[in-house]
N, C-alpha and C. Protein backbone atom coordinates (compact mmCIF):
# COMPACT_ATOMS: atom_id res chain seq x y z
N MET A 1 0.96 -1.26 -0.06
CA MET A 1 -0.20 -0.05 -0.30
C MET A 1 0.74 1.11 0.18
N SER A 2 0.21 2.44 -0.92
CA SER A 2 1.32 3.46 -0.89
C SER A 2 0.27 4.90 -0.60
N ILE A 3 -0.87 4.80 -0.65
CA ILE A 3 -1.14 5.93 -0.11
C ILE A 3 -2.96 5.36 0.49
N LEU A 4 -3.37 6.10 1.22
CA LEU A 4 -4.64 6.06 1.93
C LEU A 4 -5.21 7.67 1.91
N THR A 5 -6.26 7.20 1.72
CA THR A 5 -7.08 8.57 1.36
C THR A 5 -8.38 8.29 2.13
N PRO A 6 -8.58 8.65 3.39
CA PRO A 6 -9.74 8.88 4.11
C PRO A 6 -10.26 9.99 4.03
N ASN A 7 -11.74 10.28 4.46
CA ASN A 7 -11.81 11.90 4.66
C ASN A 7 -11.69 12.48 6.03
N HIS A 8 -12.09 13.36 6.40
CA HIS A 8 -11.50 13.53 7.72
C HIS A 8 -12.36 13.08 8.76
N HIS A 9 -13.73 12.72 8.30
CA HIS A 9 -14.36 11.96 9.36
C HIS A 9 -13.93 10.62 9.81
N GLU A 10 -13.49 9.69 8.50
CA GLU A 10 -12.79 8.63 8.67
C GLU A 10 -11.75 8.34 9.25
N ALA A 11 -11.17 9.63 9.31
CA ALA A 11 -9.50 9.64 10.02
C ALA A 11 -9.89 9.88 11.05
N GLY A 12 -10.79 10.73 11.44
CA GLY A 12 -11.11 11.28 13.05
C GLY A 12 -11.61 9.63 13.46
N LYS A 13 -12.40 8.93 13.10
CA LYS A 13 -12.97 7.24 13.42
C LYS A 13 -11.66 6.93 13.75
N ALA A 14 -10.89 6.76 12.77
CA ALA A 14 -9.59 5.57 12.96
C ALA A 14 -8.69 5.61 14.33
N ILE A 15 -9.01 7.16 14.53
CA ILE A 15 -7.85 7.51 15.91
C ILE A 15 -8.82 7.56 17.11
N GLY A 16 -9.84 7.56 16.71
CA GLY A 16 -11.08 8.05 18.35
C GLY A 16 -11.29 9.37 18.65
N ARG A 17 -10.85 9.95 18.03
CA ARG A 17 -11.51 11.48 18.12
C ARG A 17 -11.63 12.66 16.82
N LYS A 18 -12.27 13.76 17.12
CA LYS A 18 -12.59 14.31 16.11
C LYS A 18 -11.38 15.21 15.91
N LEU A 19 -11.38 15.65 14.35
CA LEU A 19 -10.21 16.50 13.56
C LEU A 19 -10.74 17.90 13.39
N GLU A 20 -10.19 18.77 14.02
CA GLU A 20 -10.79 20.05 13.95
C GLU A 20 -9.98 21.32 13.34
N ASN A 21 -8.82 20.97 13.29
CA ASN A 21 -7.71 22.05 12.65
C ASN A 21 -6.33 21.15 12.31
N ASP A 22 -5.68 22.16 11.70
CA ASP A 22 -4.50 21.44 11.21
C ASP A 22 -3.37 20.59 11.87
N SER A 23 -3.20 20.96 13.32
CA SER A 23 -2.82 20.17 14.11
C SER A 23 -3.12 18.65 14.53
N GLU A 24 -4.71 18.88 14.52
CA GLU A 24 -4.80 17.31 14.57
C GLU A 24 -4.94 16.88 13.68
N ILE A 25 -5.32 17.39 12.29
CA ILE A 25 -4.64 16.23 11.26
C ILE A 25 -3.72 15.57 11.21
N LEU A 26 -2.63 16.76 11.49
CA LEU A 26 -1.04 16.23 11.19
C LEU A 26 -0.88 15.03 12.44
N ASN A 27 -1.61 15.33 13.57
CA ASN A 27 -1.37 14.14 14.26
C ASN A 27 -2.15 12.90 14.16
N ALA A 28 -3.24 12.89 13.68
CA ALA A 28 -3.68 11.72 13.18
C ALA A 28 -3.00 10.98 11.71
N ALA A 29 -2.79 11.78 10.97
CA ALA A 29 -2.07 11.26 9.98
C ALA A 29 -0.89 10.60 10.07
N GLU A 30 0.07 11.29 11.29
CA GLU A 30 1.09 10.27 12.09
C GLU A 30 0.75 9.24 12.49
N GLU A 31 -0.15 9.36 13.13
CA GLU A 31 -0.75 7.80 14.03
C GLU A 31 -1.04 6.85 12.91
N ILE A 32 -1.83 7.26 12.32
CA ILE A 32 -2.78 6.60 10.93
C ILE A 32 -1.39 5.40 10.34
N SER A 33 -0.68 6.75 10.09
CA SER A 33 0.52 6.00 8.81
C SER A 33 1.48 4.91 9.67
N GLU A 34 1.61 5.44 10.73
CA GLU A 34 2.59 4.77 11.59
C GLU A 34 1.79 2.98 11.82
N LYS A 35 0.56 3.30 12.48
CA LYS A 35 -0.45 2.26 12.66
C LYS A 35 -0.30 0.89 11.54
N LEU A 36 -0.36 1.69 10.38
CA LEU A 36 -0.93 0.41 9.18
C LEU A 36 0.35 0.91 8.28
N SER A 37 1.64 1.37 8.68
CA SER A 37 2.97 1.14 7.82
C SER A 37 2.70 1.78 6.28
N CYS A 38 1.69 2.51 6.66
CA CYS A 38 1.85 3.36 5.20
C CYS A 38 2.45 4.72 4.82
N PRO A 39 3.05 4.80 3.56
CA PRO A 39 3.99 5.89 3.47
C PRO A 39 3.05 7.31 3.36
N SER A 40 2.28 7.30 3.01
CA SER A 40 1.49 8.35 2.47
C SER A 40 0.23 8.49 2.72
N LEU A 41 -0.22 9.55 3.27
CA LEU A 41 -1.70 9.51 3.78
C LEU A 41 -2.11 11.08 3.04
N MET A 42 -3.32 10.98 2.12
CA MET A 42 -4.10 12.29 1.88
C MET A 42 -5.50 12.17 2.69
N ILE A 43 -5.67 12.93 3.80
CA ILE A 43 -7.02 13.21 3.98
C ILE A 43 -7.87 14.36 3.49
N THR A 44 -9.10 13.81 2.95
CA THR A 44 -9.81 14.91 1.97
C THR A 44 -10.60 15.57 3.43
N ARG A 45 -10.81 16.77 2.98
CA ARG A 45 -11.22 17.82 4.09
C ARG A 45 -12.51 18.45 3.81
N GLY A 46 -13.37 18.25 2.97
CA GLY A 46 -14.44 19.27 2.28
C GLY A 46 -13.76 20.67 1.94
N GLU A 47 -14.84 21.33 2.68
CA GLU A 47 -14.46 22.85 2.11
C GLU A 47 -12.95 23.21 2.45
N LYS A 48 -12.41 22.61 3.22
CA LYS A 48 -10.93 22.91 3.80
C LYS A 48 -9.82 22.37 2.66
N GLY A 49 -10.38 21.56 1.78
CA GLY A 49 -9.46 21.17 0.46
C GLY A 49 -8.72 19.40 0.99
N MET A 50 -7.68 19.28 1.17
CA MET A 50 -7.21 18.25 1.35
C MET A 50 -5.64 18.63 2.25
N SER A 51 -5.04 17.30 3.14
CA SER A 51 -4.07 17.16 3.66
C SER A 51 -3.24 16.06 2.88
N LEU A 52 -1.99 16.29 2.54
CA LEU A 52 -0.99 15.34 2.18
C LEU A 52 0.22 15.01 3.41
N TYR A 53 0.04 13.88 4.04
CA TYR A 53 1.11 13.68 4.83
C TYR A 53 2.33 12.47 4.07
N LEU A 54 3.30 13.04 4.18
CA LEU A 54 4.23 11.73 3.76
C LEU A 54 5.40 11.55 4.80
N SER A 55 5.16 10.49 5.47
CA SER A 55 5.84 9.98 6.26
C SER A 55 7.38 10.00 6.15
N SER A 56 7.89 9.70 4.96
CA SER A 56 9.33 9.79 4.73
C SER A 56 10.01 11.06 5.48
N ASN A 57 9.57 12.12 5.45
CA ASN A 57 10.05 13.28 6.24
C ASN A 57 9.05 13.89 7.42
N LYS A 58 8.20 13.24 7.52
CA LYS A 58 7.00 13.66 8.19
C LYS A 58 6.60 15.11 8.53
N GLU A 59 6.36 15.08 6.55
CA GLU A 59 6.03 16.71 6.55
C GLU A 59 4.41 16.42 5.75
N ILE A 60 3.57 17.66 5.80
CA ILE A 60 2.07 17.75 5.91
C ILE A 60 2.02 18.71 5.04
N PHE A 61 1.37 18.78 3.80
CA PHE A 61 1.02 19.92 2.93
C PHE A 61 -0.38 20.02 2.99
N HIS A 62 -1.19 21.19 3.32
CA HIS A 62 -2.46 21.71 3.28
C HIS A 62 -2.94 22.01 1.92
N ILE A 63 -3.71 21.44 1.00
CA ILE A 63 -3.89 22.02 -0.05
C ILE A 63 -5.25 22.75 -0.20
N PRO A 64 -5.35 23.74 -0.18
CA PRO A 64 -7.08 24.10 -0.08
C PRO A 64 -7.66 23.90 -1.33
N THR A 65 -9.23 23.93 -1.43
CA THR A 65 -10.26 23.53 -2.05
C THR A 65 -10.06 24.67 -3.27
N VAL A 66 -10.55 24.47 -4.38
CA VAL A 66 -10.37 25.47 -5.62
C VAL A 66 -12.00 25.30 -5.90
N ALA A 67 -12.80 24.31 -5.21
CA ALA A 67 -13.87 24.28 -5.80
C ALA A 67 -14.79 25.84 -5.77
N LYS A 68 -15.37 26.25 -6.80
CA LYS A 68 -16.03 27.58 -6.74
C LYS A 68 -17.25 27.57 -6.41
N GLU A 69 -18.02 26.31 -6.61
CA GLU A 69 -19.48 26.33 -5.73
C GLU A 69 -19.72 24.75 -5.58
N VAL A 70 -20.35 24.45 -4.75
CA VAL A 70 -20.55 22.99 -4.30
C VAL A 70 -21.92 22.60 -4.57
N PHE A 71 -22.27 21.77 -5.55
CA PHE A 71 -23.54 21.13 -5.68
C PHE A 71 -23.81 19.87 -5.40
N ASP A 72 -22.63 18.82 -5.27
CA ASP A 72 -23.15 17.62 -4.99
C ASP A 72 -21.71 17.03 -5.10
N VAL A 73 -21.13 16.47 -3.61
CA VAL A 73 -19.76 15.84 -3.48
C VAL A 73 -19.96 14.23 -4.09
N THR A 74 -21.15 13.52 -4.50
CA THR A 74 -21.36 12.37 -4.97
C THR A 74 -19.97 12.09 -6.11
N GLY A 75 -19.04 11.31 -5.87
CA GLY A 75 -17.99 11.09 -6.85
C GLY A 75 -17.15 11.47 -6.34
N ALA A 76 -16.64 12.90 -5.38
CA ALA A 76 -15.70 13.59 -5.21
C ALA A 76 -14.69 12.75 -4.92
N GLY A 77 -14.60 11.84 -3.66
CA GLY A 77 -13.78 11.11 -3.17
C GLY A 77 -13.13 10.21 -4.33
N ASP A 78 -14.32 9.39 -5.44
CA ASP A 78 -13.62 8.74 -6.60
C ASP A 78 -12.66 9.35 -7.25
N THR A 79 -13.11 10.60 -7.49
CA THR A 79 -12.02 11.83 -8.62
C THR A 79 -10.68 11.57 -7.78
N VAL A 80 -10.92 11.89 -6.70
CA VAL A 80 -9.54 12.28 -6.14
C VAL A 80 -8.79 10.93 -6.19
N ILE A 81 -8.97 10.08 -6.04
CA ILE A 81 -7.86 8.40 -5.94
C ILE A 81 -7.90 8.22 -7.44
N SER A 82 -8.78 8.39 -8.33
CA SER A 82 -8.27 7.85 -9.33
C SER A 82 -7.65 8.95 -10.52
N THR A 83 -7.64 10.40 -10.11
CA THR A 83 -6.88 11.39 -10.53
C THR A 83 -5.50 11.03 -10.05
N TYR A 84 -5.62 11.10 -8.71
CA TYR A 84 -4.23 10.89 -8.27
C TYR A 84 -3.26 9.70 -8.36
N THR A 85 -3.96 8.64 -8.47
CA THR A 85 -3.47 7.31 -9.13
C THR A 85 -2.88 7.41 -10.28
N ALA A 86 -3.64 7.84 -11.80
CA ALA A 86 -3.24 8.24 -12.71
C ALA A 86 -2.02 9.17 -13.06
N TYR A 87 -2.22 10.39 -12.27
CA TYR A 87 -1.24 11.23 -12.24
C TYR A 87 0.37 10.92 -11.76
N HIS A 88 0.13 10.09 -10.67
CA HIS A 88 1.32 9.59 -9.94
C HIS A 88 1.90 8.40 -10.63
N ALA A 89 0.95 7.70 -11.31
CA ALA A 89 1.53 6.51 -12.36
C ALA A 89 2.44 6.90 -13.61
N ALA A 90 1.53 8.25 -13.92
CA ALA A 90 2.53 8.88 -14.96
C ALA A 90 3.44 9.76 -15.05
N GLY A 91 4.22 9.97 -13.78
CA GLY A 91 5.32 10.09 -13.38
C GLY A 91 5.12 11.75 -12.31
N LEU A 92 4.09 12.25 -11.92
CA LEU A 92 4.07 13.05 -11.05
C LEU A 92 4.39 12.40 -9.41
N ASN A 93 5.08 13.60 -8.70
CA ASN A 93 5.28 13.11 -7.17
C ASN A 93 3.95 13.01 -6.42
N GLU A 94 4.03 12.89 -5.13
CA GLU A 94 2.82 12.65 -4.40
C GLU A 94 1.93 14.14 -4.21
N LEU A 95 3.00 15.00 -4.20
CA LEU A 95 2.55 16.19 -3.83
C LEU A 95 1.78 17.22 -5.29
N GLU A 96 2.61 16.62 -6.24
CA GLU A 96 2.06 17.30 -7.64
C GLU A 96 0.51 16.62 -7.79
N ALA A 97 0.59 15.19 -7.86
CA ALA A 97 -0.72 14.32 -7.86
C ALA A 97 -1.57 14.56 -7.16
N SER A 98 -1.43 15.15 -5.64
CA SER A 98 -2.54 15.73 -5.06
C SER A 98 -3.05 16.59 -5.62
N ILE A 99 -2.37 17.92 -6.38
CA ILE A 99 -2.59 19.11 -6.45
C ILE A 99 -3.64 18.74 -7.49
N VAL A 100 -3.13 17.85 -8.54
CA VAL A 100 -3.89 17.60 -9.63
C VAL A 100 -5.27 17.25 -8.92
N SER A 101 -5.47 16.08 -8.18
CA SER A 101 -6.90 15.72 -7.76
C SER A 101 -7.52 16.86 -7.12
N ASN A 102 -7.07 17.36 -6.26
CA ASN A 102 -7.71 18.55 -5.82
C ASN A 102 -8.44 19.32 -6.59
N ALA A 103 -8.03 19.57 -7.75
CA ALA A 103 -8.06 20.29 -8.84
C ALA A 103 -9.84 19.74 -9.28
N ALA A 104 -9.04 18.44 -10.08
CA ALA A 104 -10.04 17.76 -10.30
C ALA A 104 -11.70 17.71 -9.19
N ALA A 105 -11.35 17.13 -8.55
CA ALA A 105 -12.47 17.15 -7.25
C ALA A 105 -12.98 18.49 -7.11
N GLY A 106 -12.20 19.85 -7.71
CA GLY A 106 -12.88 20.98 -7.20
C GLY A 106 -14.11 20.95 -8.50
N VAL A 107 -13.98 20.69 -9.38
CA VAL A 107 -14.50 20.48 -10.60
C VAL A 107 -15.90 19.99 -10.50
N VAL A 108 -15.63 18.87 -10.38
CA VAL A 108 -17.19 17.75 -10.11
C VAL A 108 -17.84 17.64 -9.36
N VAL A 109 -17.46 18.44 -8.04
CA VAL A 109 -18.46 19.17 -6.78
C VAL A 109 -19.43 20.25 -7.55
N GLY A 110 -18.76 20.73 -8.59
CA GLY A 110 -19.50 22.09 -9.14
C GLY A 110 -20.59 21.45 -10.01
N LYS A 111 -21.02 20.09 -10.13
CA LYS A 111 -22.00 19.40 -10.98
C LYS A 111 -22.75 18.80 -9.85
N LEU A 112 -24.13 18.60 -10.89
CA LEU A 112 -25.08 17.78 -10.04
C LEU A 112 -24.45 16.00 -10.41
N GLY A 113 -24.93 15.25 -9.42
CA GLY A 113 -24.72 14.02 -9.70
C GLY A 113 -23.40 13.51 -9.71
N ALA A 114 -23.06 12.34 -9.77
CA ALA A 114 -21.90 11.28 -10.04
C ALA A 114 -21.21 11.94 -11.74
N GLU A 115 -20.64 13.13 -11.50
CA GLU A 115 -19.66 13.64 -12.60
C GLU A 115 -18.24 12.77 -13.02
N THR A 116 -18.13 13.65 -14.42
CA THR A 116 -16.35 13.62 -14.65
C THR A 116 -16.00 14.68 -14.75
N VAL A 117 -14.74 14.69 -14.57
CA VAL A 117 -13.72 16.08 -15.10
C VAL A 117 -13.18 15.84 -16.62
N THR A 118 -13.23 17.17 -17.36
CA THR A 118 -12.53 16.74 -18.53
C THR A 118 -11.55 17.30 -18.75
N PRO A 119 -10.81 16.62 -19.58
CA PRO A 119 -9.22 17.21 -19.58
C PRO A 119 -8.90 18.85 -19.57
N GLY A 120 -10.21 19.32 -20.48
CA GLY A 120 -10.12 21.25 -20.24
C GLY A 120 -10.73 21.58 -19.32
N GLU A 121 -11.38 20.81 -18.75
CA GLU A 121 -11.97 21.42 -16.95
C GLU A 121 -11.04 21.37 -16.25
N LEU A 122 -9.92 20.21 -16.31
CA LEU A 122 -8.72 20.10 -15.16
C LEU A 122 -7.73 21.15 -15.61
N GLU A 123 -7.11 21.48 -17.01
CA GLU A 123 -6.32 22.52 -17.24
C GLU A 123 -6.85 23.71 -16.48
N LEU A 124 -8.48 24.03 -16.94
CA LEU A 124 -8.43 25.52 -16.32
C LEU A 124 -8.77 25.27 -15.01
N SER A 125 -8.99 24.68 -14.26
CA SER A 125 -8.87 24.27 -12.95
C SER A 125 -7.34 24.80 -11.90
N LEU A 126 -6.69 24.31 -12.80
CA LEU A 126 -4.99 24.03 -12.62
C LEU A 126 -4.74 25.46 -12.96
N GLN A 127 -5.20 26.02 -13.83
CA GLN A 127 -4.52 27.52 -14.35
C GLN A 127 -5.06 28.54 -13.02
N SER A 128 -6.51 28.45 -12.90
CA SER A 128 -7.01 29.17 -12.01
C SER A 128 -6.06 29.17 -10.46
N MET A 129 -5.43 28.10 -9.86
CA MET A 129 -4.92 27.71 -9.09
C MET A 129 -3.85 28.54 -9.01
N GLY A 130 -3.02 29.13 -9.81
CA GLY A 130 -1.59 29.65 -9.65
C GLY A 130 -0.68 28.56 -9.31
N SER A 131 0.05 29.35 -8.08
CA SER A 131 1.81 28.76 -7.80
C SER A 131 0.64 28.12 -6.30
N PHE A 132 1.25 26.98 -5.67
CA PHE A 132 0.88 26.30 -4.45
C PHE A 132 1.88 26.34 -3.48
N GLU A 133 1.88 27.15 -2.45
CA GLU A 133 2.89 27.14 -1.17
C GLU A 133 2.15 26.67 -0.08
N ASN A 134 3.21 25.65 0.29
CA ASN A 134 2.82 24.83 1.59
C ASN A 134 2.25 25.98 3.07
């Protein structure tokens, strides 16, 4: 296993407490990663975007959401993991693939129902993000 992708509710349940801020997200990621010997953890956080934890250097990146409007979150988690997997397999590192998957999820939550993101929509979403700083 190379990465787990729980949402913040699932991550909180895994350690037995609510996760309400960035510090608690980091602590949960460290605990879960150590317990399961998982090198990376991506915790999706709804309107707060996502957090990527890399156990190799105990570093966490908080990636803000790019969703302009949220109509339906159906399929957002599937979009995150499928986009991450495709882009990481294509050669992007964990952080780069997470940023792309966050942008893809931001597009699909702006649609009604379980929808997809087109390459053009993803490109526009990434362009609107500008540069990312931790």
